[in-house]
Amino acid sequence: MNIDTALKEAMSITGAVGAALVDYESGMSLGTLGGGDWLDLEVAAAGNTEVVRSKLRVMSALGLTDSIEDILITLHRQYHLIRLLHPAKGTSTLFLYLVLDRERANLALARHQLKRIETDLVV
């Protein structure tokens, strides 16, 4: 699946209000879908690159040899889910970013669906 299809699939997750595919090295999004006046996905994507970079620095400082599967930020009305992509070959600096309306979303199901999208995504 390509980027556009992956973002459409992410937006089909119950409760989704915005999705982006982001390169955390550059802070640039490769694509966005959804969002709006109250959710600027370009700003959010750039800001969340700092979250990913910070966690990777901490893991390095601790000598952890594990990898990040996803990062969850829980707000009163939203879930912000960051899923790092792990391609079958090589390394990646990409993550899927999904914003969910907390009242409508099923977090476990959303994580499962993002994992499926990651598996099928070809960049």
N, C-alpha and C. Protein backbone atom coordinates (compact mmCIF):
# COMPACT_ATOMS: atom_id res chain seq x y z
N MET A 1 0.84 -1.17 0.00
CA MET A 1 0.00 0.00 0.00
C MET A 1 0.89 1.23 0.00
N ASN A 2 0.45 2.29 -0.68
CA ASN A 2 1.21 3.53 -0.75
C ASN A 2 0.82 4.47 0.39
N ILE A 3 1.44 5.63 0.46
CA ILE A 3 1.21 6.58 1.55
C ILE A 3 -0.25 7.03 1.61
N ASP A 4 -0.81 7.42 0.47
CA ASP A 4 -2.20 7.89 0.45
C ASP A 4 -3.17 6.83 0.95
N THR A 5 -2.98 5.60 0.50
CA THR A 5 -3.85 4.51 0.92
C THR A 5 -3.67 4.24 2.41
N ALA A 6 -2.44 4.28 2.89
CA ALA A 6 -2.16 4.06 4.31
C ALA A 6 -2.85 5.11 5.17
N LEU A 7 -2.79 6.36 4.74
CA LEU A 7 -3.45 7.43 5.51
C LEU A 7 -4.97 7.28 5.48
N LYS A 8 -5.52 6.88 4.34
CA LYS A 8 -6.96 6.64 4.26
C LYS A 8 -7.37 5.49 5.19
N GLU A 9 -6.55 4.44 5.21
CA GLU A 9 -6.82 3.31 6.11
C GLU A 9 -6.76 3.77 7.57
N ALA A 10 -5.77 4.61 7.90
CA ALA A 10 -5.66 5.12 9.27
C ALA A 10 -6.87 5.95 9.64
N MET A 11 -7.34 6.76 8.71
CA MET A 11 -8.51 7.60 8.98
C MET A 11 -9.80 6.80 9.06
N SER A 12 -9.79 5.57 8.58
CA SER A 12 -10.98 4.73 8.69
C SER A 12 -11.09 4.07 10.07
N ILE A 13 -10.05 4.21 10.89
CA ILE A 13 -10.08 3.67 12.25
C ILE A 13 -11.11 4.48 13.05
N THR A 14 -11.98 3.80 13.76
CA THR A 14 -13.02 4.46 14.52
C THR A 14 -12.43 5.50 15.48
N GLY A 15 -12.92 6.73 15.38
CA GLY A 15 -12.46 7.81 16.24
C GLY A 15 -11.31 8.63 15.68
N ALA A 16 -10.78 8.24 14.52
CA ALA A 16 -9.64 8.98 13.94
C ALA A 16 -10.06 10.38 13.51
N VAL A 17 -9.24 11.37 13.86
CA VAL A 17 -9.49 12.74 13.44
C VAL A 17 -8.33 13.31 12.63
N GLY A 18 -7.20 12.63 12.63
CA GLY A 18 -6.06 13.07 11.83
C GLY A 18 -4.99 12.01 11.79
N ALA A 19 -4.28 11.95 10.65
CA ALA A 19 -3.20 10.98 10.49
C ALA A 19 -2.09 11.59 9.66
N ALA A 20 -0.86 11.17 9.93
CA ALA A 20 0.28 11.65 9.17
C ALA A 20 1.35 10.57 9.12
N LEU A 21 2.14 10.61 8.06
CA LEU A 21 3.35 9.80 7.96
C LEU A 21 4.50 10.78 8.04
N VAL A 22 5.40 10.57 9.00
CA VAL A 22 6.41 11.57 9.34
C VAL A 22 7.81 10.97 9.35
N ASP A 23 8.78 11.75 8.88
CA ASP A 23 10.20 11.40 8.97
C ASP A 23 10.76 12.11 10.20
N TYR A 24 11.17 11.36 11.22
CA TYR A 24 11.61 12.01 12.46
C TYR A 24 13.02 12.57 12.37
N GLU A 25 13.77 12.26 11.35
CA GLU A 25 15.08 12.90 11.18
C GLU A 25 14.92 14.34 10.70
N SER A 26 14.03 14.54 9.75
CA SER A 26 13.84 15.88 9.18
C SER A 26 12.71 16.65 9.86
N GLY A 27 11.78 15.94 10.48
CA GLY A 27 10.61 16.58 11.07
C GLY A 27 9.52 16.88 10.06
N MET A 28 9.70 16.43 8.83
CA MET A 28 8.74 16.71 7.76
C MET A 28 7.75 15.55 7.62
N SER A 29 6.51 15.91 7.31
CA SER A 29 5.52 14.88 7.03
C SER A 29 5.55 14.54 5.54
N LEU A 30 5.42 13.27 5.25
CA LEU A 30 5.35 12.80 3.87
C LEU A 30 3.92 12.82 3.35
N GLY A 31 2.99 12.95 4.28
CA GLY A 31 1.58 13.03 3.91
C GLY A 31 0.73 13.19 5.16
N THR A 32 -0.39 13.89 5.01
CA THR A 32 -1.33 14.06 6.11
C THR A 32 -2.75 13.91 5.59
N LEU A 33 -3.65 13.59 6.50
CA LEU A 33 -5.06 13.50 6.16
C LEU A 33 -5.86 13.81 7.42
N GLY A 34 -6.87 14.63 7.29
CA GLY A 34 -7.69 15.00 8.43
C GLY A 34 -7.14 16.25 9.10
N GLY A 35 -7.38 16.35 10.39
CA GLY A 35 -6.95 17.53 11.13
C GLY A 35 -7.98 18.62 10.99
N GLY A 36 -7.52 19.85 10.87
CA GLY A 36 -8.44 20.98 10.73
C GLY A 36 -7.89 22.19 11.44
N ASP A 37 -8.78 23.16 11.69
CA ASP A 37 -8.37 24.41 12.33
C ASP A 37 -7.76 24.18 13.71
N TRP A 38 -8.30 23.25 14.47
CA TRP A 38 -7.83 23.00 15.82
C TRP A 38 -6.71 21.97 15.89
N LEU A 39 -6.42 21.31 14.77
CA LEU A 39 -5.37 20.30 14.73
C LEU A 39 -4.54 20.49 13.47
N ASP A 40 -3.46 21.23 13.56
CA ASP A 40 -2.54 21.44 12.45
C ASP A 40 -1.57 20.26 12.43
N LEU A 41 -1.81 19.33 11.53
CA LEU A 41 -1.02 18.10 11.49
C LEU A 41 0.45 18.35 11.15
N GLU A 42 0.74 19.39 10.39
CA GLU A 42 2.13 19.70 10.07
C GLU A 42 2.89 20.11 11.33
N VAL A 43 2.26 20.96 12.14
CA VAL A 43 2.89 21.39 13.40
C VAL A 43 3.01 20.20 14.36
N ALA A 44 1.94 19.41 14.46
CA ALA A 44 1.96 18.25 15.34
C ALA A 44 3.02 17.24 14.91
N ALA A 45 3.14 17.01 13.61
CA ALA A 45 4.13 16.07 13.10
C ALA A 45 5.54 16.53 13.46
N ALA A 46 5.82 17.80 13.23
CA ALA A 46 7.14 18.33 13.55
C ALA A 46 7.41 18.25 15.05
N GLY A 47 6.42 18.59 15.86
CA GLY A 47 6.60 18.53 17.31
C GLY A 47 6.81 17.12 17.82
N ASN A 48 6.12 16.17 17.25
CA ASN A 48 6.26 14.79 17.71
C ASN A 48 7.57 14.15 17.29
N THR A 49 8.25 14.74 16.33
CA THR A 49 9.60 14.25 16.02
C THR A 49 10.50 14.45 17.23
N GLU A 50 10.27 15.53 17.98
CA GLU A 50 11.07 15.78 19.19
C GLU A 50 10.79 14.73 20.26
N VAL A 51 9.54 14.28 20.35
CA VAL A 51 9.19 13.22 21.30
C VAL A 51 9.96 11.95 20.95
N VAL A 52 9.95 11.58 19.68
CA VAL A 52 10.63 10.36 19.24
C VAL A 52 12.14 10.50 19.45
N ARG A 53 12.71 11.61 19.02
CA ARG A 53 14.16 11.81 19.18
C ARG A 53 14.56 11.75 20.65
N SER A 54 13.77 12.38 21.51
CA SER A 54 14.07 12.40 22.93
C SER A 54 14.06 10.98 23.51
N LYS A 55 13.06 10.21 23.17
CA LYS A 55 12.98 8.84 23.69
C LYS A 55 14.13 7.99 23.17
N LEU A 56 14.51 8.17 21.93
CA LEU A 56 15.64 7.43 21.38
C LEU A 56 16.94 7.81 22.10
N ARG A 57 17.12 9.10 22.43
CA ARG A 57 18.31 9.54 23.18
C ARG A 57 18.35 8.90 24.57
N VAL A 58 17.21 8.87 25.24
CA VAL A 58 17.14 8.27 26.57
C VAL A 58 17.46 6.78 26.50
N MET A 59 16.91 6.10 25.53
CA MET A 59 17.18 4.67 25.37
C MET A 59 18.66 4.44 25.13
N SER A 60 19.27 5.28 24.31
CA SER A 60 20.70 5.16 24.05
C SER A 60 21.52 5.40 25.32
N ALA A 61 21.15 6.44 26.08
CA ALA A 61 21.87 6.75 27.32
C ALA A 61 21.76 5.62 28.34
N LEU A 62 20.64 4.92 28.32
CA LEU A 62 20.44 3.80 29.23
C LEU A 62 21.05 2.51 28.72
N GLY A 63 21.53 2.53 27.49
CA GLY A 63 22.12 1.33 26.91
C GLY A 63 21.10 0.28 26.52
N LEU A 64 19.87 0.71 26.30
CA LEU A 64 18.82 -0.24 25.90
C LEU A 64 19.01 -0.62 24.44
N THR A 65 18.91 -1.89 24.14
CA THR A 65 19.08 -2.36 22.77
C THR A 65 17.74 -2.76 22.15
N ASP A 66 16.68 -2.31 22.75
CA ASP A 66 15.33 -2.60 22.26
C ASP A 66 14.92 -1.54 21.26
N SER A 67 13.75 -1.69 20.68
CA SER A 67 13.25 -0.68 19.74
C SER A 67 11.86 -0.24 20.18
N ILE A 68 11.50 0.97 19.79
CA ILE A 68 10.19 1.53 20.13
C ILE A 68 9.14 0.95 19.20
N GLU A 69 8.08 0.43 19.76
CA GLU A 69 6.95 -0.03 18.95
C GLU A 69 6.00 1.15 18.72
N ASP A 70 5.52 1.72 19.82
CA ASP A 70 4.70 2.91 19.69
C ASP A 70 4.80 3.76 20.96
N ILE A 71 4.36 4.99 20.84
CA ILE A 71 4.34 5.94 21.95
C ILE A 71 2.91 6.48 22.02
N LEU A 72 2.35 6.48 23.22
CA LEU A 72 0.99 6.95 23.43
C LEU A 72 1.01 8.20 24.30
N ILE A 73 0.34 9.24 23.83
CA ILE A 73 0.15 10.44 24.62
C ILE A 73 -1.36 10.55 24.85
N THR A 74 -1.74 10.52 26.11
CA THR A 74 -3.15 10.53 26.47
C THR A 74 -3.54 11.92 26.96
N LEU A 75 -4.49 12.53 26.27
CA LEU A 75 -5.06 13.80 26.68
C LEU A 75 -6.46 13.54 27.23
N HIS A 76 -7.09 14.56 27.77
CA HIS A 76 -8.44 14.37 28.32
C HIS A 76 -9.45 13.97 27.26
N ARG A 77 -9.30 14.50 26.04
CA ARG A 77 -10.28 14.22 24.98
C ARG A 77 -9.70 13.46 23.80
N GLN A 78 -8.41 13.22 23.80
CA GLN A 78 -7.78 12.61 22.62
C GLN A 78 -6.69 11.62 23.03
N TYR A 79 -6.42 10.70 22.12
CA TYR A 79 -5.23 9.87 22.17
C TYR A 79 -4.36 10.30 21.00
N HIS A 80 -3.07 10.45 21.22
CA HIS A 80 -2.11 10.71 20.16
C HIS A 80 -1.19 9.50 20.13
N LEU A 81 -1.24 8.77 19.03
CA LEU A 81 -0.51 7.52 18.90
C LEU A 81 0.59 7.67 17.86
N ILE A 82 1.81 7.37 18.25
CA ILE A 82 2.98 7.44 17.37
C ILE A 82 3.48 6.02 17.18
N ARG A 83 3.44 5.53 15.96
CA ARG A 83 3.89 4.16 15.67
C ARG A 83 5.11 4.20 14.77
N LEU A 84 6.27 3.84 15.31
CA LEU A 84 7.49 3.82 14.51
C LEU A 84 7.45 2.67 13.53
N LEU A 85 7.89 2.92 12.30
CA LEU A 85 7.85 1.89 11.27
C LEU A 85 9.13 1.07 11.30
N HIS A 86 8.95 -0.22 11.21
CA HIS A 86 10.08 -1.15 11.20
C HIS A 86 9.95 -2.03 9.96
N PRO A 87 10.56 -1.60 8.86
CA PRO A 87 10.44 -2.38 7.63
C PRO A 87 11.16 -3.73 7.74
N ALA A 88 10.77 -4.65 6.89
CA ALA A 88 11.37 -5.98 6.90
C ALA A 88 12.87 -5.91 6.61
N LYS A 89 13.27 -4.98 5.76
CA LYS A 89 14.69 -4.84 5.41
C LYS A 89 15.16 -3.45 5.80
N GLY A 90 16.30 -3.37 6.44
CA GLY A 90 16.92 -2.08 6.72
C GLY A 90 16.30 -1.36 7.89
N THR A 91 16.60 -0.07 7.95
CA THR A 91 16.10 0.77 9.02
C THR A 91 15.20 1.85 8.44
N SER A 92 14.43 2.47 9.32
CA SER A 92 13.51 3.50 8.89
C SER A 92 13.54 4.64 9.91
N THR A 93 13.30 5.84 9.43
CA THR A 93 13.16 6.99 10.32
C THR A 93 11.74 7.55 10.22
N LEU A 94 10.80 6.69 9.90
CA LEU A 94 9.41 7.11 9.71
C LEU A 94 8.52 6.65 10.85
N PHE A 95 7.48 7.44 11.10
CA PHE A 95 6.44 6.98 12.02
C PHE A 95 5.07 7.41 11.51
N LEU A 96 4.09 6.59 11.86
CA LEU A 96 2.70 6.92 11.62
C LEU A 96 2.19 7.64 12.85
N TYR A 97 1.50 8.74 12.64
CA TYR A 97 0.96 9.54 13.73
C TYR A 97 -0.55 9.56 13.58
N LEU A 98 -1.25 9.17 14.62
CA LEU A 98 -2.70 9.09 14.56
C LEU A 98 -3.30 9.80 15.77
N VAL A 99 -4.25 10.70 15.52
CA VAL A 99 -4.98 11.38 16.57
C VAL A 99 -6.38 10.80 16.61
N LEU A 100 -6.80 10.38 17.81
CA LEU A 100 -8.09 9.75 18.00
C LEU A 100 -8.94 10.53 18.98
N ASP A 101 -10.23 10.61 18.71
CA ASP A 101 -11.21 11.15 19.64
C ASP A 101 -11.41 10.08 20.71
N ARG A 102 -11.08 10.41 21.93
CA ARG A 102 -11.07 9.43 23.01
C ARG A 102 -12.45 8.83 23.29
N GLU A 103 -13.51 9.60 23.09
CA GLU A 103 -14.86 9.09 23.36
C GLU A 103 -15.30 8.04 22.35
N ARG A 104 -14.78 8.11 21.14
CA ARG A 104 -15.23 7.19 20.09
C ARG A 104 -14.24 6.07 19.80
N ALA A 105 -13.00 6.22 20.22
CA ALA A 105 -11.94 5.29 19.82
C ALA A 105 -11.82 4.09 20.76
N ASN A 106 -11.35 3.01 20.18
CA ASN A 106 -10.94 1.83 20.93
C ASN A 106 -9.43 1.76 20.75
N LEU A 107 -8.69 2.09 21.80
CA LEU A 107 -7.24 2.21 21.70
C LEU A 107 -6.57 0.90 21.29
N ALA A 108 -6.97 -0.19 21.86
CA ALA A 108 -6.37 -1.49 21.53
C ALA A 108 -6.58 -1.82 20.06
N LEU A 109 -7.78 -1.60 19.58
CA LEU A 109 -8.09 -1.87 18.18
C LEU A 109 -7.31 -0.93 17.25
N ALA A 110 -7.20 0.34 17.64
CA ALA A 110 -6.45 1.30 16.83
C ALA A 110 -4.98 0.88 16.72
N ARG A 111 -4.39 0.44 17.82
CA ARG A 111 -2.99 -0.01 17.79
C ARG A 111 -2.84 -1.22 16.87
N HIS A 112 -3.78 -2.13 16.94
CA HIS A 112 -3.75 -3.32 16.08
C HIS A 112 -3.86 -2.93 14.60
N GLN A 113 -4.75 -1.99 14.30
CA GLN A 113 -4.94 -1.57 12.91
C GLN A 113 -3.72 -0.80 12.39
N LEU A 114 -3.09 0.01 13.22
CA LEU A 114 -1.87 0.70 12.79
C LEU A 114 -0.75 -0.30 12.49
N LYS A 115 -0.66 -1.35 13.28
CA LYS A 115 0.35 -2.38 13.04
C LYS A 115 0.12 -3.05 11.69
N ARG A 116 -1.14 -3.31 11.37
CA ARG A 116 -1.47 -3.90 10.06
C ARG A 116 -1.10 -2.94 8.93
N ILE A 117 -1.40 -1.65 9.10
CA ILE A 117 -1.06 -0.66 8.08
C ILE A 117 0.46 -0.61 7.90
N GLU A 118 1.20 -0.62 9.00
CA GLU A 118 2.66 -0.62 8.93
C GLU A 118 3.18 -1.80 8.09
N THR A 119 2.60 -2.95 8.33
CA THR A 119 3.03 -4.17 7.62
C THR A 119 2.83 -4.05 6.12
N ASP A 120 1.73 -3.41 5.70
CA ASP A 120 1.38 -3.33 4.28
C ASP A 120 1.96 -2.11 3.56
N LEU A 121 2.49 -1.13 4.33
CA LEU A 121 2.96 0.12 3.75
C LEU A 121 4.30 -0.04 3.04
N VAL A 122 4.38 0.48 1.81
CA VAL A 122 5.63 0.50 1.05
C VAL A 122 5.92 1.97 0.71
N VAL A 123 7.07 2.45 1.19
CA VAL A 123 7.45 3.86 0.95
C VAL A 123 8.62 3.89 -0.02
